[in-house]
Amino acid sequence: MRFMLSEDDEEMREYILDTFQKGLQEIRKKRGIKEDTLEEEKYMVNRKGVIWSMKLQVDDLLYDLEDEKSDFCFSEQEHNDIKELLEKLSSRLEEIDNTLENIFEQIILQKYT
């Protein structure tokens, strides 16, 4: 199942990708490396954007679940179970995002130092 990003989510994803690419450019500039975008860097930026988009979708589901006006009809136990799973998923996606960022940073530092 593929989620559609809202305009706000898409703007956030673009902001994250732009910020990450600007960071790469700054590292290259500081080390005197030419302004070319390598395929590995494009891949890293895209993977990070995908994970972040997934986290935004999970957080949206959590918000909808807690919204009293939502269309969800769950028992209290089902509601609590779903909420717990979504919270764990959101937390895990954030951990993955942070891990990817650390890995990418190490790759870039090794590559350009």
Protein backbone atom coordinates (compact mmCIF):
# COMPACT_ATOMS: atom_id res chain seq x y z
CA MET A 1 0.00 0.00 0.00
CA ARG A 2 1.44 3.36 -0.98
CA PHE A 3 0.47 6.48 0.90
CA MET A 4 -0.06 9.77 -0.82
CA LEU A 5 1.83 12.61 0.78
CA SER A 6 -0.09 15.71 1.64
CA GLU A 7 1.27 19.03 0.39
CA ASP A 8 2.72 19.72 3.86
CA ASP A 9 4.41 16.31 3.95
CA GLU A 10 5.82 16.80 0.47
CA GLU A 11 7.10 20.25 1.43
CA MET A 12 8.73 18.77 4.55
CA ARG A 13 10.32 15.98 2.49
CA GLU A 14 11.66 18.52 -0.02
CA TYR A 15 12.98 20.69 2.83
CA ILE A 16 14.78 17.67 4.36
CA LEU A 17 16.26 16.63 1.03
CA ASP A 18 17.37 20.19 0.23
CA THR A 19 18.93 20.60 3.68
CA PHE A 20 20.80 17.31 3.38
CA GLN A 21 22.06 18.18 -0.10
CA LYS A 22 23.19 21.61 1.09
CA GLY A 23 25.09 19.87 3.89
CA LEU A 24 26.84 17.69 1.33
CA GLN A 25 27.70 20.74 -0.72
CA GLU A 26 29.16 22.48 2.34
CA ILE A 27 31.34 19.46 3.13
CA ARG A 28 32.58 19.36 -0.47
CA LYS A 29 33.21 23.11 -0.48
CA LYS A 30 35.18 23.02 2.80
CA ARG A 31 37.35 20.19 1.47
CA GLY A 32 37.83 21.78 -1.96
CA ILE A 33 35.91 19.10 -3.84
CA LYS A 34 34.21 19.97 -7.11
CA GLU A 35 30.44 20.63 -7.13
CA ASP A 36 29.28 17.35 -8.61
CA THR A 37 26.48 15.22 -7.24
CA LEU A 38 27.51 11.62 -7.00
CA GLU A 39 25.07 8.74 -7.48
CA GLU A 40 25.77 7.47 -3.95
CA GLU A 41 24.78 10.81 -2.50
CA LYS A 42 21.56 10.88 -4.51
CA TYR A 43 20.75 7.39 -3.26
CA MET A 44 21.44 8.36 0.37
CA VAL A 45 19.26 11.45 0.13
CA ASN A 46 16.41 9.48 -1.44
CA ARG A 47 16.54 6.70 1.18
CA LYS A 48 16.46 9.22 3.98
CA GLY A 49 13.51 10.97 2.36
CA VAL A 50 11.60 7.69 2.03
CA ILE A 51 12.09 6.80 5.70
CA TRP A 52 11.08 10.27 6.83
CA SER A 53 7.95 10.17 4.64
CA MET A 54 6.99 6.85 6.19
CA LYS A 55 7.40 8.29 9.67
CA LEU A 56 5.20 11.26 8.78
CA GLN A 57 2.49 8.88 7.57
CA VAL A 58 2.63 6.83 10.77
CA ASP A 59 2.46 9.99 12.85
CA ASP A 60 -0.57 11.10 10.82
CA LEU A 61 -2.26 7.77 11.53
CA LEU A 62 -1.56 8.21 15.24
CA TYR A 63 -3.06 11.68 15.12
CA ASP A 64 -6.13 10.40 13.28
CA LEU A 65 -6.51 7.56 15.76
CA GLU A 66 -6.55 10.01 18.66
CA ASP A 67 -8.87 12.45 16.92
CA GLU A 68 -12.30 12.12 18.51
CA LYS A 69 -13.93 12.86 15.17
CA SER A 70 -12.14 10.01 13.39
CA ASP A 71 -14.04 7.36 11.49
CA PHE A 72 -12.27 4.52 13.26
CA CYS A 73 -14.53 2.17 15.23
CA PHE A 74 -12.35 0.11 17.54
CA SER A 75 -12.86 -1.36 20.95
CA GLU A 76 -10.79 0.25 23.68
CA GLN A 77 -8.37 -2.70 23.64
CA GLU A 78 -8.00 -2.58 19.85
CA HIS A 79 -7.47 1.17 20.03
CA ASN A 80 -4.75 0.76 22.65
CA ASP A 81 -3.05 -2.07 20.72
CA ILE A 82 -3.06 -0.11 17.46
CA LYS A 83 -1.81 3.01 19.21
CA GLU A 84 1.03 1.07 20.83
CA LEU A 85 2.05 -0.49 17.51
CA LEU A 86 1.97 2.84 15.69
CA GLU A 87 4.02 4.50 18.44
CA LYS A 88 6.61 1.70 18.25
CA LEU A 89 6.70 1.96 14.46
CA SER A 90 7.12 5.73 14.59
CA SER A 91 9.92 5.40 17.13
CA ARG A 92 11.66 2.70 15.09
CA LEU A 93 11.42 4.76 11.89
CA GLU A 94 12.99 7.68 13.73
CA GLU A 95 15.81 5.40 14.93
CA ILE A 96 16.34 4.17 11.36
CA ASP A 97 16.39 7.76 10.09
CA ASN A 98 19.00 8.72 12.70
CA THR A 99 21.08 5.62 11.95
CA LEU A 100 21.00 6.37 8.21
CA GLU A 101 22.09 9.93 8.90
CA ASN A 102 25.04 8.70 11.00
CA ILE A 103 26.03 6.13 8.36
CA PHE A 104 25.81 8.69 5.56
CA GLU A 105 27.86 11.16 7.57
CA GLN A 106 30.58 8.56 8.15
CA ILE A 107 30.61 7.58 4.46
CA ILE A 108 30.93 11.21 3.42
CA LEU A 109 33.65 11.93 5.97
CA GLN A 110 35.64 8.85 4.90
CA LYS A 111 35.17 9.66 1.24
CA TYR A 112 36.19 13.30 1.46
CA THR A 113 38.88 13.26 4.16
